[in-house]
């Protein structure tokens, strides 16, 4: 039986480095922005994340989009 998907919300996660620990390992923090519309384009999310984090001193290490989908039996 085929399964359909219904896009729900997305989350945008931005990981950034806040320095190093006593062993020289990077300390990574994550900022999550919830309730992003599923219809938002990847380019728009990338642009927003880059603009938001361009005004802070920490270096962004990755930008992640997490999509939620409802699975429906067809």
Protein backbone atom coordinates (compact mmCIF):
# COMPACT_ATOMS: atom_id res chain seq x y z
CA UNK A 1 0.00 0.00 0.00
CA UNK A 2 1.51 3.38 -0.97
CA UNK A 3 2.32 5.92 1.70
CA UNK A 4 1.79 9.64 1.19
CA UNK A 5 3.48 12.40 3.12
CA UNK A 6 1.97 15.59 4.45
CA UNK A 7 4.66 18.22 5.12
CA UNK A 8 4.38 19.75 8.59
CA UNK A 9 6.75 22.26 10.15
CA UNK A 10 10.50 22.47 9.81
CA UNK A 11 13.25 23.49 12.19
CA UNK A 12 16.40 25.40 11.40
CA UNK A 13 19.46 24.50 13.47
CA UNK A 14 22.62 26.57 13.38
CA UNK A 15 25.73 25.08 14.97
CA UNK A 16 28.53 27.44 15.93
CA UNK A 17 31.87 27.30 17.69
CA UNK A 18 32.27 29.24 20.94
CA UNK A 19 35.93 28.38 21.50
CA UNK A 20 38.00 25.42 22.61
CA UNK A 21 38.20 23.38 25.79
CA UNK A 22 41.33 22.61 27.81
CA UNK A 23 42.16 19.73 25.41
CA UNK A 24 41.94 21.91 22.30
CA UNK A 25 38.60 20.47 21.14
CA UNK A 26 36.03 22.84 19.67
CA UNK A 27 33.07 23.72 21.86
CA UNK A 28 29.98 23.64 19.63
CA UNK A 29 26.61 25.15 20.53
CA UNK A 30 23.33 24.81 18.64
CA UNK A 31 20.63 27.45 18.19
CA UNK A 32 17.28 26.06 17.00
CA UNK A 33 14.56 28.09 15.30
CA UNK A 34 11.24 26.20 15.41
CA UNK A 35 7.96 26.47 13.50
CA UNK A 36 9.55 27.20 10.13
CA UNK A 37 7.04 26.79 7.32
CA UNK A 38 7.61 23.58 5.39
CA UNK A 39 7.21 25.59 2.18
CA UNK A 40 10.25 27.79 2.97
CA UNK A 41 13.00 27.25 0.43
CA UNK A 42 16.43 25.98 1.40
CA UNK A 43 17.99 29.12 -0.06
CA UNK A 44 15.76 31.36 2.07
CA UNK A 45 16.71 29.46 5.22
CA UNK A 46 20.41 29.65 4.36
CA UNK A 47 20.15 33.40 3.70
CA UNK A 48 18.32 34.05 6.98
CA UNK A 49 20.79 31.99 9.02
CA UNK A 50 23.77 33.73 7.44
CA UNK A 51 22.26 37.17 8.06
CA UNK A 52 21.37 36.40 11.68
CA UNK A 53 24.79 35.04 12.53
CA UNK A 54 26.78 37.64 10.57
CA UNK A 55 26.34 40.07 13.47
CA UNK A 56 27.83 37.82 16.13
CA UNK A 57 31.43 36.89 16.87
CA UNK A 58 31.15 33.09 16.78
CA UNK A 59 31.92 31.08 13.65
CA UNK A 60 29.04 29.04 12.17
CA UNK A 61 30.07 25.42 11.64
CA UNK A 62 26.87 24.09 10.03
CA UNK A 63 23.32 25.02 9.08
CA UNK A 64 20.78 22.18 9.26
CA UNK A 65 17.17 21.94 8.14
CA UNK A 66 15.01 19.35 9.93
CA UNK A 67 11.70 18.59 8.20
CA UNK A 68 8.71 16.90 9.82
CA UNK A 69 6.30 14.91 7.66
CA UNK A 70 3.12 13.07 8.54
CA UNK A 71 2.92 9.63 6.93
CA UNK A 72 -0.51 8.69 5.57
CA UNK A 73 -1.72 5.35 4.19
CA UNK A 74 -3.15 5.91 0.73
